[in-house]
Amino acid sequence: MQMWSSLIAKAKEGGVDVIQTYVFWNLHEPQPGQYDFSGRYDLVKFIKEIQAQGLYACLRIGPFIESEWTYGGFPFWLHDVPGIVYRTDNEPFKIENEYQNVEAAFHEKGPIYVKWAAKIGVELETGVPWVMCKQTDAPDPVINTCNGMRCGETFGGPNSPNKPSMWTENWTSFYQVYGGEPYIRSAEDIAFHVALFIAKKGSYINYYMYHGGTNFGRTASAYVITSYYDQAPLDEYGLLRQPKWGHLKELHIVIKNCFTPLLQGVQSNFSIGPLQQAYVYEEGMGACVAFLVNNDSTKNATVQFQNNSFELLPKSIGILPDCQNMVFNTAK
């Protein structure tokens, strides 16, 4: 709780606009009807701190949150509710997250449950969009989104033309289990896939995690160590993890400076080499941005674009905010 202000400020300085957090049912209602929103569980205070620093909040209310968290975020007393069957069209149980991972196991009840979960959320009339992570059959107007490390390459896109393309979990590292080695994902790899997702009309990217922190006590799920995503841009203790934090900050600055063509321009894409591609956004008043992609992971590539020659490092994207000058390369 004492770290909240500092963590949010460092995220903002790094170019982050939205702070996303889970809502942990097992912490807030440890016993039926007994609620705890005090101290470090004060969700309202946390959201107000986000607001005070001029950022937006995205709530993952679950209450099934997965997140390598004990019992998926469920309070253990749910186990004793008569007739309950988790994650299906079952009267005592009506909540969800990342359901498509298990939907097929429930046969005909799976899609019914997805529609019910979407309906109950939309009918709350909160005035904000609802999303379903990794749920390709998310009913309108709920937005289906992508989770993973390479959504610019793997995401099939929104399941309706009136939905934005969103990446709700860009894994900056990976959770670690006892006896396992930490997963090191480079700043350059993260930047490449962020730039690629934006180039392909992506509108929202959430870093999972930007700060992971510590799983205190027995809150971590089986085999998961107490340190969570220590290799994130802000490490377990809230310190800057360089070069990851700084490299992504530079990328964010460049992308934000291109907001006019990205939001108002028309996109085109075409080949500029055997493993090279250009994604270009042009706006009617002359604003233009280009993303020059080299998909060759072993060799530099020299490409021609608008009568100019550009050198691209292996597996990198060069960003040209004016379609003339390259100001950022994801591999540098």
C-alpha atoms as a PDB file:
ATOM      1  CA  MET A   1       0.000   0.000   0.000  1.00  0.00           C
ATOM      2  CA  GLN A   2       2.838   2.391   0.811  1.00  0.00           C
ATOM      3  CA  MET A   3       4.320   1.648  -2.623  1.00  0.00           C
ATOM      4  CA  TRP A   4       1.177   2.428  -4.638  1.00  0.00           C
ATOM      5  CA  SER A   5       1.907   6.079  -5.363  1.00  0.00           C
ATOM      6  CA  SER A   6       5.516   5.416  -6.345  1.00  0.00           C
ATOM      7  CA  LEU A   7       4.679   2.424  -8.543  1.00  0.00           C
ATOM      8  CA  ILE A   8       1.953   4.307 -10.399  1.00  0.00           C
ATOM      9  CA  ALA A   9       4.243   7.324 -10.866  1.00  0.00           C
ATOM     10  CA  LYS A  10       7.019   5.140 -12.324  1.00  0.00           C
ATOM     11  CA  ALA A  11       4.556   3.457 -14.667  1.00  0.00           C
ATOM     12  CA  LYS A  12       3.281   6.855 -15.814  1.00  0.00           C
ATOM     13  CA  GLU A  13       6.823   8.110 -16.369  1.00  0.00           C
ATOM     14  CA  GLY A  14       7.434   4.992 -18.445  1.00  0.00           C
ATOM     15  CA  GLY A  15       4.591   5.965 -20.775  1.00  0.00           C
ATOM     16  CA  VAL A  16       1.800   3.826 -19.334  1.00  0.00           C
ATOM     17  CA  ASP A  17      -1.731   5.287 -19.562  1.00  0.00           C
ATOM     18  CA  VAL A  18      -3.789   2.555 -17.880  1.00  0.00           C
ATOM     19  CA  ILE A  19      -3.218   0.599 -14.668  1.00  0.00           C
ATOM     20  CA  GLN A  20      -4.843  -2.815 -14.677  1.00  0.00           C
ATOM     21  CA  THR A  21      -5.468  -4.805 -11.520  1.00  0.00           C
ATOM     22  CA  TYR A  22      -7.293  -7.887 -10.360  1.00  0.00           C
ATOM     23  CA  VAL A  23     -10.033  -7.925  -7.741  1.00  0.00           C
ATOM     24  CA  PHE A  24      -9.244 -10.777  -5.354  1.00  0.00           C
ATOM     25  CA  TRP A  25     -12.486 -12.275  -4.090  1.00  0.00           C
ATOM     26  CA  ASN A  26     -10.754 -14.559  -1.587  1.00  0.00           C
ATOM     27  CA  LEU A  27      -9.082 -11.537   0.027  1.00  0.00           C
ATOM     28  CA  HIS A  28     -12.157  -9.318   0.080  1.00  0.00           C
ATOM     29  CA  GLU A  29     -14.616 -11.946   1.364  1.00  0.00           C
ATOM     30  CA  PRO A  30     -12.604 -14.497   3.360  1.00  0.00           C
ATOM     31  CA  GLN A  31     -15.812 -15.760   4.990  1.00  0.00           C
ATOM     32  CA  PRO A  32     -19.368 -15.555   3.600  1.00  0.00           C
ATOM     33  CA  GLY A  33     -20.708 -12.059   4.216  1.00  0.00           C
ATOM     34  CA  GLN A  34     -17.518 -10.851   5.924  1.00  0.00           C
ATOM     35  CA  TYR A  35     -15.843  -8.211   3.750  1.00  0.00           C
ATOM     36  CA  ASP A  36     -12.389  -6.690   3.981  1.00  0.00           C
ATOM     37  CA  PHE A  37     -11.431  -3.580   1.999  1.00  0.00           C
ATOM     38  CA  SER A  38      -9.015  -2.221   4.584  1.00  0.00           C
ATOM     39  CA  GLY A  39      -5.295  -1.482   4.342  1.00  0.00           C
ATOM     40  CA  ARG A  40      -3.650  -3.078   1.327  1.00  0.00           C
ATOM     41  CA  TYR A  41      -7.057  -4.450   0.291  1.00  0.00           C
ATOM     42  CA  ASP A  42      -8.508  -0.935  -0.145  1.00  0.00           C
ATOM     43  CA  LEU A  43      -9.483  -1.181  -3.811  1.00  0.00           C
ATOM     44  CA  VAL A  44     -11.239   2.200  -3.896  1.00  0.00           C
ATOM     45  CA  LYS A  45      -8.185   3.980  -2.498  1.00  0.00           C
ATOM     46  CA  PHE A  46      -5.984   2.296  -5.099  1.00  0.00           C
ATOM     47  CA  ILE A  47      -8.252   3.384  -7.960  1.00  0.00           C
ATOM     48  CA  LYS A  48      -8.435   6.935  -6.604  1.00  0.00           C
ATOM     49  CA  GLU A  49      -4.628   7.052  -6.535  1.00  0.00           C
ATOM     50  CA  ILE A  50      -4.610   6.036 -10.202  1.00  0.00           C
ATOM     51  CA  GLN A  51      -7.105   8.810 -10.942  1.00  0.00           C
ATOM     52  CA  ALA A  52      -5.107  11.357  -8.944  1.00  0.00           C
ATOM     53  CA  GLN A  53      -2.097  10.705 -11.171  1.00  0.00           C
ATOM     54  CA  GLY A  54      -4.149  11.224 -14.330  1.00  0.00           C
ATOM     55  CA  LEU A  55      -4.311   7.611 -15.482  1.00  0.00           C
ATOM     56  CA  TYR A  56      -7.141   5.218 -16.280  1.00  0.00           C
ATOM     57  CA  ALA A  57      -7.970   1.963 -14.494  1.00  0.00           C
ATOM     58  CA  CYS A  58      -8.902  -1.402 -15.969  1.00  0.00           C
ATOM     59  CA  LEU A  59     -10.476  -3.836 -13.501  1.00  0.00           C
ATOM     60  CA  ARG A  60     -10.280  -7.585 -13.932  1.00  0.00           C
ATOM     61  CA  ILE A  61     -13.066  -8.429 -11.538  1.00  0.00           C
ATOM     62  CA  GLY A  62     -13.010 -12.159 -12.205  1.00  0.00           C
ATOM     63  CA  PRO A  63     -13.742 -13.309  -9.651  1.00  0.00           C
ATOM     64  CA  PHE A  64     -11.978 -16.320 -11.212  1.00  0.00           C
ATOM     65  CA  ILE A  65      -8.689 -14.568 -11.941  1.00  0.00           C
ATOM     66  CA  GLU A  66      -6.294 -17.499 -12.414  1.00  0.00           C
ATOM     67  CA  SER A  67      -3.100 -15.424 -12.111  1.00  0.00           C
ATOM     68  CA  GLU A  68      -1.105 -18.190 -10.448  1.00  0.00           C
ATOM     69  CA  TRP A  69      -3.102 -17.241  -7.363  1.00  0.00           C
ATOM     70  CA  THR A  70      -4.336 -19.731  -4.811  1.00  0.00           C
ATOM     71  CA  TYR A  71      -7.650 -21.326  -5.794  1.00  0.00           C
ATOM     72  CA  GLY A  72      -7.850 -19.000  -8.804  1.00  0.00           C
ATOM     73  CA  GLY A  73      -9.011 -16.182  -6.539  1.00  0.00           C
ATOM     74  CA  PHE A  74     -12.036 -18.076  -5.228  1.00  0.00           C
ATOM     75  CA  PRO A  75     -12.620 -18.050  -1.476  1.00  0.00           C
ATOM     76  CA  PHE A  76     -12.251 -21.613  -0.265  1.00  0.00           C
ATOM     77  CA  TRP A  77     -15.671 -21.564   1.379  1.00  0.00           C
ATOM     78  CA  LEU A  78     -17.221 -21.770  -2.117  1.00  0.00           C
ATOM     79  CA  HIS A  79     -16.256 -25.421  -1.975  1.00  0.00           C
ATOM     80  CA  ASP A  80     -19.005 -25.957   0.603  1.00  0.00           C
ATOM     81  CA  VAL A  81     -21.843 -24.290  -1.354  1.00  0.00           C
ATOM     82  CA  PRO A  82     -24.421 -27.033  -2.050  1.00  0.00           C
ATOM     83  CA  GLY A  83     -24.648 -28.088  -5.689  1.00  0.00           C
ATOM     84  CA  ILE A  84     -21.873 -25.847  -6.962  1.00  0.00           C
ATOM     85  CA  VAL A  85     -19.971 -26.817 -10.123  1.00  0.00           C
ATOM     86  CA  TYR A  86     -17.227 -24.369 -11.046  1.00  0.00           C
ATOM     87  CA  ARG A  87     -17.014 -22.640 -14.432  1.00  0.00           C
ATOM     88  CA  THR A  88     -20.198 -23.895 -16.060  1.00  0.00           C
ATOM     89  CA  ASP A  89     -23.893 -23.093 -16.482  1.00  0.00           C
ATOM     90  CA  ASN A  90     -24.605 -23.929 -12.861  1.00  0.00           C
ATOM     91  CA  GLU A  91     -27.018 -21.899 -10.729  1.00  0.00           C
ATOM     92  CA  PRO A  92     -24.695 -21.343  -7.736  1.00  0.00           C
ATOM     93  CA  PHE A  93     -21.763 -20.397 -10.007  1.00  0.00           C
ATOM     94  CA  LYS A  94     -21.848 -17.556 -12.557  1.00  0.00           C
ATOM     95  CA  ILE A  95     -18.417 -15.923 -13.015  1.00  0.00           C
ATOM     96  CA  GLU A  96     -15.494 -16.142 -15.436  1.00  0.00           C
ATOM     97  CA  ASN A  97     -12.054 -15.321 -16.927  1.00  0.00           C
ATOM     98  CA  GLU A  98     -10.091 -16.961 -19.799  1.00  0.00           C
ATOM     99  CA  TYR A  99     -12.897 -19.472 -20.128  1.00  0.00           C
ATOM    100  CA  GLN A 100     -12.115 -20.714 -23.633  1.00  0.00           C
ATOM    101  CA  ASN A 101      -9.203 -22.700 -22.195  1.00  0.00           C
ATOM    102  CA  VAL A 102     -11.756 -25.075 -20.639  1.00  0.00           C
ATOM    103  CA  GLU A 103     -14.986 -24.336 -22.529  1.00  0.00           C
ATOM    104  CA  ALA A 104     -14.932 -27.501 -24.649  1.00  0.00           C
ATOM    105  CA  ALA A 105     -14.819 -29.679 -21.524  1.00  0.00           C
ATOM    106  CA  PHE A 106     -18.338 -28.519 -20.642  1.00  0.00           C
ATOM    107  CA  HIS A 107     -19.752 -29.476 -24.058  1.00  0.00           C
ATOM    108  CA  GLU A 108     -23.067 -27.768 -24.878  1.00  0.00           C
ATOM    109  CA  LYS A 109     -23.136 -25.919 -21.551  1.00  0.00           C
ATOM    110  CA  GLY A 110     -19.931 -24.012 -22.345  1.00  0.00           C
ATOM    111  CA  PRO A 111     -21.309 -21.593 -24.994  1.00  0.00           C
ATOM    112  CA  ILE A 112     -24.491 -21.121 -22.964  1.00  0.00           C
ATOM    113  CA  TYR A 113     -22.405 -20.058 -20.007  1.00  0.00           C
ATOM    114  CA  VAL A 114     -20.338 -17.613 -22.110  1.00  0.00           C
ATOM    115  CA  LYS A 115     -23.514 -15.894 -23.312  1.00  0.00           C
ATOM    116  CA  TRP A 116     -24.913 -15.734 -19.788  1.00  0.00           C
ATOM    117  CA  ALA A 117     -21.713 -14.230 -18.365  1.00  0.00           C
ATOM    118  CA  ALA A 118     -21.652 -11.589 -21.124  1.00  0.00           C
ATOM    119  CA  LYS A 119     -25.324 -10.763 -20.621  1.00  0.00           C
ATOM    120  CA  ILE A 120     -25.069 -10.223 -16.881  1.00  0.00           C
ATOM    121  CA  GLY A 121     -22.060  -7.933 -17.315  1.00  0.00           C
ATOM    122  CA  VAL A 122     -23.615  -5.782 -20.049  1.00  0.00           C
ATOM    123  CA  GLU A 123     -26.932  -5.477 -18.210  1.00  0.00           C
ATOM    124  CA  LEU A 124     -25.168  -3.819 -15.276  1.00  0.00           C
ATOM    125  CA  GLU A 125     -24.961  -0.738 -17.552  1.00  0.00           C
ATOM    126  CA  THR A 126     -21.616   0.388 -16.149  1.00  0.00           C
ATOM    127  CA  GLY A 127     -20.971   2.677 -19.120  1.00  0.00           C
ATOM    128  CA  VAL A 128     -17.584   1.095 -19.840  1.00  0.00           C
ATOM    129  CA  PRO A 129     -16.622  -1.730 -22.227  1.00  0.00           C
ATOM    130  CA  TRP A 130     -16.432  -5.357 -21.114  1.00  0.00           C
ATOM    131  CA  VAL A 131     -13.791  -7.765 -22.377  1.00  0.00           C
ATOM    132  CA  MET A 132     -13.318 -11.527 -22.375  1.00  0.00           C
ATOM    133  CA  CYS A 133      -9.672 -12.573 -22.544  1.00  0.00           C
ATOM    134  CA  LYS A 134      -8.901 -15.286 -25.102  1.00  0.00           C
ATOM    135  CA  GLN A 135     -12.600 -15.786 -25.872  1.00  0.00           C
ATOM    136  CA  THR A 136     -13.106 -15.865 -29.645  1.00  0.00           C
ATOM    137  CA  ASP A 137     -16.867 -16.381 -29.273  1.00  0.00           C
ATOM    138  CA  ALA A 138     -17.400 -13.382 -26.963  1.00  0.00           C
ATOM    139  CA  PRO A 139     -20.946 -12.152 -27.748  1.00  0.00           C
ATOM    140  CA  ASP A 140     -21.537  -8.541 -28.840  1.00  0.00           C
ATOM    141  CA  PRO A 141     -20.772  -6.040 -27.444  1.00  0.00           C
ATOM    142  CA  VAL A 142     -18.211  -7.836 -25.245  1.00  0.00           C
ATOM    143  CA  ILE A 143     -14.730  -7.574 -26.777  1.00  0.00           C
ATOM    144  CA  ASN A 144     -12.633 -10.680 -27.407  1.00  0.00           C
ATOM    145  CA  THR A 145      -8.942 -10.079 -26.725  1.00  0.00           C
ATOM    146  CA  CYS A 146      -5.543 -11.748 -27.008  1.00  0.00           C
ATOM    147  CA  ASN A 147      -3.144 -12.929 -24.290  1.00  0.00           C
ATOM    148  CA  GLY A 148       0.422 -14.064 -24.958  1.00  0.00           C
ATOM    149  CA  MET A 149       3.848 -12.854 -26.053  1.00  0.00           C
ATOM    150  CA  ARG A 150       3.277 -12.413 -29.795  1.00  0.00           C
ATOM    151  CA  CYS A 151      -0.280 -11.265 -30.376  1.00  0.00           C
ATOM    152  CA  GLY A 152       0.774  -9.254 -33.433  1.00  0.00           C
ATOM    153  CA  GLU A 153       1.480 -12.620 -35.058  1.00  0.00           C
ATOM    154  CA  THR A 154      -1.066 -14.904 -33.386  1.00  0.00           C
ATOM    155  CA  PHE A 155      -4.237 -12.862 -32.802  1.00  0.00           C
ATOM    156  CA  GLY A 156      -6.992 -13.520 -35.321  1.00  0.00           C
ATOM    157  CA  GLY A 157      -8.486 -10.125 -34.545  1.00  0.00           C
ATOM    158  CA  PRO A 158     -11.819  -8.982 -33.109  1.00  0.00           C
ATOM    159  CA  ASN A 159     -14.799 -11.193 -33.927  1.00  0.00           C
ATOM    160  CA  SER A 160     -16.818  -8.171 -35.068  1.00  0.00           C
ATOM    161  CA  PRO A 161     -15.859  -5.090 -37.138  1.00  0.00           C
ATOM    162  CA  ASN A 162     -17.224  -2.765 -34.452  1.00  0.00           C
ATOM    163  CA  LYS A 163     -14.747  -4.003 -31.819  1.00  0.00           C
ATOM    164  CA  PRO A 164     -11.176  -2.754 -31.253  1.00  0.00           C
ATOM    165  CA  SER A 165      -8.124  -4.996 -31.411  1.00  0.00           C
ATOM    166  CA  MET A 166      -6.898  -5.452 -27.825  1.00  0.00           C
ATOM    167  CA  TRP A 167      -3.985  -7.297 -26.223  1.00  0.00           C
ATOM    168  CA  THR A 168      -4.887  -7.808 -22.575  1.00  0.00           C
ATOM    169  CA  GLU A 169      -1.767  -9.725 -21.514  1.00  0.00           C
ATOM    170  CA  ASN A 170       1.622  -9.041 -23.094  1.00  0.00           C
ATOM    171  CA  TRP A 171       3.814 -11.308 -20.993  1.00  0.00           C
ATOM    172  CA  THR A 172       6.966  -9.354 -20.123  1.00  0.00           C
ATOM    173  CA  SER A 173       8.416 -12.486 -18.533  1.00  0.00           C
ATOM    174  CA  PHE A 174       6.696 -15.507 -17.028  1.00  0.00           C
ATOM    175  CA  TYR A 175       5.858 -16.746 -13.579  1.00  0.00           C
ATOM    176  CA  GLN A 176       8.484 -18.935 -11.942  1.00  0.00           C
ATOM    177  CA  VAL A 177       8.010 -22.201 -10.076  1.00  0.00           C
ATOM    178  CA  TYR A 178      10.209 -23.613  -7.339  1.00  0.00           C
ATOM    179  CA  GLY A 179      13.286 -25.217  -8.871  1.00  0.00           C
ATOM    180  CA  GLY A 180      12.768 -23.449 -12.193  1.00  0.00           C
ATOM    181  CA  GLU A 181      14.911 -20.807 -13.844  1.00  0.00           C
ATOM    182  CA  PRO A 182      13.579 -17.257 -14.367  1.00  0.00           C
ATOM    183  CA  TYR A 183      12.284 -16.594 -17.871  1.00  0.00           C
ATOM    184  CA  ILE A 184      14.210 -13.701 -19.392  1.00  0.00           C
ATOM    185  CA  ARG A 185      12.392 -11.912 -22.194  1.00  0.00           C
ATOM    186  CA  SER A 186      14.423  -9.169 -23.814  1.00  0.00           C
ATOM    187  CA  ALA A 187      13.341  -5.550 -24.080  1.00  0.00           C
ATOM    188  CA  GLU A 188      13.925  -5.779 -27.823  1.00  0.00           C
ATOM    189  CA  ASP A 189      11.552  -8.724 -28.247  1.00  0.00           C
ATOM    190  CA  ILE A 190       8.801  -7.010 -26.253  1.00  0.00           C
ATOM    191  CA  ALA A 191       9.237  -3.786 -28.240  1.00  0.00           C
ATOM    192  CA  PHE A 192       9.115  -5.642 -31.573  1.00  0.00           C
ATOM    193  CA  HIS A 193       5.791  -7.269 -30.801  1.00  0.00           C
ATOM    194  CA  VAL A 194       4.268  -4.104 -29.324  1.00  0.00           C
ATOM    195  CA  ALA A 195       5.180  -2.165 -32.466  1.00  0.00           C
ATOM    196  CA  LEU A 196       3.877  -4.965 -34.692  1.00  0.00           C
ATOM    197  CA  PHE A 197       0.533  -5.068 -32.871  1.00  0.00           C
ATOM    198  CA  ILE A 198       0.131  -1.295 -33.239  1.00  0.00           C
ATOM    199  CA  ALA A 199       1.140  -1.521 -36.905  1.00  0.00           C
ATOM    200  CA  LYS A 200      -1.647  -4.070 -37.427  1.00  0.00           C
ATOM    201  CA  LYS A 201      -4.351  -1.752 -36.017  1.00  0.00           C
ATOM    202  CA  GLY A 202      -3.912  -2.715 -32.377  1.00  0.00           C
ATOM    203  CA  SER A 203      -5.458  -0.168 -30.029  1.00  0.00           C
ATOM    204  CA  TYR A 204      -4.659  -1.395 -26.503  1.00  0.00           C
ATOM    205  CA  ILE A 205      -1.731  -3.312 -25.028  1.00  0.00           C
ATOM    206  CA  ASN A 206      -1.486  -4.317 -21.390  1.00  0.00           C
ATOM    207  CA  TYR A 207       1.871  -5.446 -20.025  1.00  0.00           C
ATOM    208  CA  TYR A 208       1.508  -8.546 -17.901  1.00  0.00           C
ATOM    209  CA  MET A 209       3.213  -7.719 -15.681  1.00  0.00           C
ATOM    210  CA  TYR A 210       4.541  -4.168 -15.622  1.00  0.00           C
ATOM    211  CA  HIS A 211       5.034  -4.791 -11.901  1.00  0.00           C
ATOM    212  CA  GLY A 212       4.371  -8.196 -10.379  1.00  0.00           C
ATOM    213  CA  GLY A 213       5.329  -7.746  -6.748  1.00  0.00           C
ATOM    214  CA  THR A 214       5.239 -10.410  -4.058  1.00  0.00           C
ATOM    215  CA  ASN A 215       2.778 -13.192  -3.265  1.00  0.00           C
ATOM    216  CA  PHE A 216       2.725 -13.035   0.519  1.00  0.00           C
ATOM    217  CA  GLY A 217       1.851 -15.915   2.822  1.00  0.00           C
ATOM    218  CA  ARG A 218       0.022 -18.700   0.997  1.00  0.00           C
ATOM    219  CA  THR A 219      -1.509 -16.536  -1.715  1.00  0.00           C
ATOM    220  CA  ALA A 220       0.565 -18.068  -4.537  1.00  0.00           C
ATOM    221  CA  SER A 221      -0.817 -21.169  -6.219  1.00  0.00           C
ATOM    222  CA  ALA A 222       0.932 -24.531  -6.010  1.00  0.00           C
ATOM    223  CA  TYR A 223       4.638 -24.478  -6.930  1.00  0.00           C
ATOM    224  CA  VAL A 224       4.676 -20.736  -7.775  1.00  0.00           C
ATOM    225  CA  ILE A 225       7.386 -18.825  -5.907  1.00  0.00           C
ATOM    226  CA  THR A 226       6.571 -15.731  -3.846  1.00  0.00           C
ATOM    227  CA  SER A 227       8.373 -13.387  -6.263  1.00  0.00           C
ATOM    228  CA  TYR A 228       6.013 -12.691  -9.169  1.00  0.00           C
ATOM    229  CA  TYR A 229       7.280 -11.471 -12.557  1.00  0.00           C
ATOM    230  CA  ASP A 230      10.473 -10.031 -11.092  1.00  0.00           C
ATOM    231  CA  GLN A 231      11.755  -9.536 -14.672  1.00  0.00           C
ATOM    232  CA  ALA A 232       8.986  -7.006 -15.444  1.00  0.00           C
ATOM    233  CA  PRO A 233       9.848  -3.345 -16.255  1.00  0.00           C
ATOM    234  CA  LEU A 234       9.403  -2.658 -12.527  1.00  0.00           C
ATOM    235  CA  ASP A 235      10.908  -5.500 -10.523  1.00  0.00           C
ATOM    236  CA  GLU A 236       9.511  -7.200  -7.425  1.00  0.00           C
ATOM    237  CA  TYR A 237      10.586  -4.260  -5.251  1.00  0.00           C
ATOM    238  CA  GLY A 238       9.361  -1.542  -7.615  1.00  0.00           C
ATOM    239  CA  LEU A 239      12.827  -0.680  -8.952  1.00  0.00           C
ATOM    240  CA  LEU A 240      13.386   0.090 -12.637  1.00  0.00           C
ATOM    241  CA  ARG A 241      14.400  -3.026 -14.560  1.00  0.00           C
ATOM    242  CA  GLN A 242      16.766  -1.715 -17.211  1.00  0.00           C
ATOM    243  CA  PRO A 243      17.031  -1.738 -20.163  1.00  0.00           C
ATOM    244  CA  LYS A 244      13.429  -2.982 -20.310  1.00  0.00           C
ATOM    245  CA  TRP A 245      11.790   0.026 -18.643  1.00  0.00           C
ATOM    246  CA  GLY A 246      13.786   2.615 -20.582  1.00  0.00           C
ATOM    247  CA  HIS A 247      13.505   0.923 -23.977  1.00  0.00           C
ATOM    248  CA  LEU A 248       9.734   0.634 -23.695  1.00  0.00           C
ATOM    249  CA  LYS A 249       9.503   4.253 -22.523  1.00  0.00           C
ATOM    250  CA  GLU A 250      11.232   5.385 -25.722  1.00  0.00           C
ATOM    251  CA  LEU A 251       8.866   3.246 -27.798  1.00  0.00           C
ATOM    252  CA  HIS A 252       5.818   4.704 -26.041  1.00  0.00           C
ATOM    253  CA  ILE A 253       6.989   8.261 -26.729  1.00  0.00           C
ATOM    254  CA  VAL A 254       7.403   7.565 -30.437  1.00  0.00           C
ATOM    255  CA  ILE A 255       4.018   5.848 -30.790  1.00  0.00           C
ATOM    256  CA  LYS A 256       2.183   8.606 -28.912  1.00  0.00           C
ATOM    257  CA  ASN A 257       3.746  11.215 -31.183  1.00  0.00           C
ATOM    258  CA  CYS A 258       2.068   9.419 -34.097  1.00  0.00           C
ATOM    259  CA  PHE A 259      -1.448   9.535 -32.664  1.00  0.00           C
ATOM    260  CA  THR A 260      -2.976  11.575 -35.520  1.00  0.00           C
ATOM    261  CA  PRO A 261      -2.234   9.178 -38.403  1.00  0.00           C
ATOM    262  CA  LEU A 262      -2.755   6.126 -36.182  1.00  0.00           C
ATOM    263  CA  LEU A 263      -6.214   7.266 -35.063  1.00  0.00           C
ATOM    264  CA  GLN A 264      -7.385   9.132 -38.151  1.00  0.00           C
ATOM    265  CA  GLY A 265      -5.340   7.721 -41.011  1.00  0.00           C
ATOM    266  CA  VAL A 266      -5.948   4.941 -43.514  1.00  0.00           C
ATOM    267  CA  GLN A 267      -3.740   1.871 -43.177  1.00  0.00           C
ATOM    268  CA  SER A 268      -2.006   0.095 -46.032  1.00  0.00           C
ATOM    269  CA  ASN A 269       0.549  -2.699 -45.974  1.00  0.00           C
ATOM    270  CA  PHE A 270       2.795  -4.164 -48.630  1.00  0.00           C
ATOM    271  CA  SER A 271       5.951  -6.192 -49.094  1.00  0.00           C
ATOM    272  CA  ILE A 272       9.322  -4.431 -49.219  1.00  0.00           C
ATOM    273  CA  GLY A 273      11.409  -7.615 -49.347  1.00  0.00           C
ATOM    274  CA  PRO A 274      11.207 -11.414 -49.044  1.00  0.00           C
ATOM    275  CA  LEU A 275      10.845 -11.225 -45.246  1.00  0.00           C
ATOM    276  CA  GLN A 276      10.125  -7.522 -44.939  1.00  0.00           C
ATOM    277  CA  GLN A 277       6.823  -5.676 -44.731  1.00  0.00           C
ATOM    278  CA  ALA A 278       5.683  -2.057 -44.508  1.00  0.00           C
ATOM    279  CA  TYR A 279       2.617  -0.876 -42.581  1.00  0.00           C
ATOM    280  CA  VAL A 280       1.695   2.718 -43.370  1.00  0.00           C
ATOM    281  CA  TYR A 281      -0.948   5.052 -41.925  1.00  0.00           C
ATOM    282  CA  GLU A 282      -1.741   8.187 -43.947  1.00  0.00           C
ATOM    283  CA  GLU A 283      -4.077  10.951 -42.823  1.00  0.00           C
ATOM    284  CA  GLY A 284      -5.766  13.359 -45.243  1.00  0.00           C
ATOM    285  CA  MET A 285      -3.976  16.473 -43.964  1.00  0.00           C
ATOM    286  CA  GLY A 286      -0.547  14.963 -44.616  1.00  0.00           C
ATOM    287  CA  ALA A 287       0.255  13.178 -41.349  1.00  0.00           C
ATOM    288  CA  CYS A 288       1.940   9.834 -41.975  1.00  0.00           C
ATOM    289  CA  VAL A 289       3.662   7.077 -40.009  1.00  0.00           C
ATOM    290  CA  ALA A 290       5.369   3.937 -41.287  1.00  0.00           C
ATOM    291  CA  PHE A 291       6.398   0.720 -39.571  1.00  0.00           C
ATOM    292  CA  LEU A 292       9.110  -1.117 -41.531  1.00  0.00           C
ATOM    293  CA  VAL A 293       9.305  -4.735 -40.390  1.00  0.00           C
ATOM    294  CA  ASN A 294      12.229  -7.117 -40.815  1.00  0.00           C
ATOM    295  CA  ASN A 295      11.038 -10.629 -39.952  1.00  0.00           C
ATOM    296  CA  ASP A 296      14.440 -12.180 -40.668  1.00  0.00           C
ATOM    297  CA  SER A 297      15.779 -13.172 -37.246  1.00  0.00           C
ATOM    298  CA  THR A 298      19.392 -13.642 -38.399  1.00  0.00           C
ATOM    299  CA  LYS A 299      20.233 -10.975 -40.994  1.00  0.00           C
ATOM    300  CA  ASN A 300      20.109  -7.235 -41.472  1.00  0.00           C
ATOM    301  CA  ALA A 301      17.905  -6.049 -44.313  1.00  0.00           C
ATOM    302  CA  THR A 302      18.278  -3.016 -46.554  1.00  0.00           C
ATOM    303  CA  VAL A 303      14.863  -1.892 -47.776  1.00  0.00           C
ATOM    304  CA  GLN A 304      13.563   0.817 -50.082  1.00  0.00           C
ATOM    305  CA  PHE A 305      10.649   2.937 -48.937  1.00  0.00           C
ATOM    306  CA  GLN A 306       9.419   6.149 -50.566  1.00  0.00           C
ATOM    307  CA  ASN A 307      12.654   6.586 -52.536  1.00  0.00           C
ATOM    308  CA  ASN A 308      14.803   6.215 -49.430  1.00  0.00           C
ATOM    309  CA  SER A 309      16.996   3.349 -48.255  1.00  0.00           C
ATOM    310  CA  PHE A 310      16.762   2.029 -44.687  1.00  0.00           C
ATOM    311  CA  GLU A 311      18.830  -0.520 -42.800  1.00  0.00           C
ATOM    312  CA  LEU A 312      16.828  -2.807 -40.510  1.00  0.00           C
ATOM    313  CA  LEU A 313      18.442  -4.959 -37.838  1.00  0.00           C
ATOM    314  CA  PRO A 314      17.460  -8.646 -37.565  1.00  0.00           C
ATOM    315  CA  LYS A 315      13.926  -9.182 -36.206  1.00  0.00           C
ATOM    316  CA  SER A 316      13.241  -5.503 -35.780  1.00  0.00           C
ATOM    317  CA  ILE A 317      10.808  -2.752 -36.684  1.00  0.00           C
ATOM    318  CA  GLY A 318      11.847   0.732 -37.693  1.00  0.00           C
ATOM    319  CA  ILE A 319       9.330   3.492 -36.971  1.00  0.00           C
ATOM    320  CA  LEU A 320       9.151   6.569 -39.215  1.00  0.00           C
ATOM    321  CA  PRO A 321       6.790   9.143 -37.618  1.00  0.00           C
ATOM    322  CA  ASP A 322       6.825  11.258 -40.802  1.00  0.00           C
ATOM    323  CA  CYS A 323       7.298   8.379 -43.277  1.00  0.00           C
ATOM    324  CA  GLN A 324      10.729   9.856 -44.032  1.00  0.00           C
ATOM    325  CA  ASN A 325      13.026   9.570 -41.021  1.00  0.00           C
ATOM    326  CA  MET A 326      13.553   6.517 -38.848  1.00  0.00           C
ATOM    327  CA  VAL A 327      13.625   7.670 -35.225  1.00  0.00           C
ATOM    328  CA  PHE A 328      13.314   4.322 -33.440  1.00  0.00           C
ATOM    329  CA  ASN A 329      14.280   0.720 -34.067  1.00  0.00           C
ATOM    330  CA  THR A 330      12.933  -1.931 -31.722  1.00  0.00           C
ATOM    331  CA  ALA A 331      16.269  -3.795 -31.687  1.00  0.00           C
ATOM    332  CA  LYS A 332      18.403  -0.824 -30.586  1.00  0.00           C
END
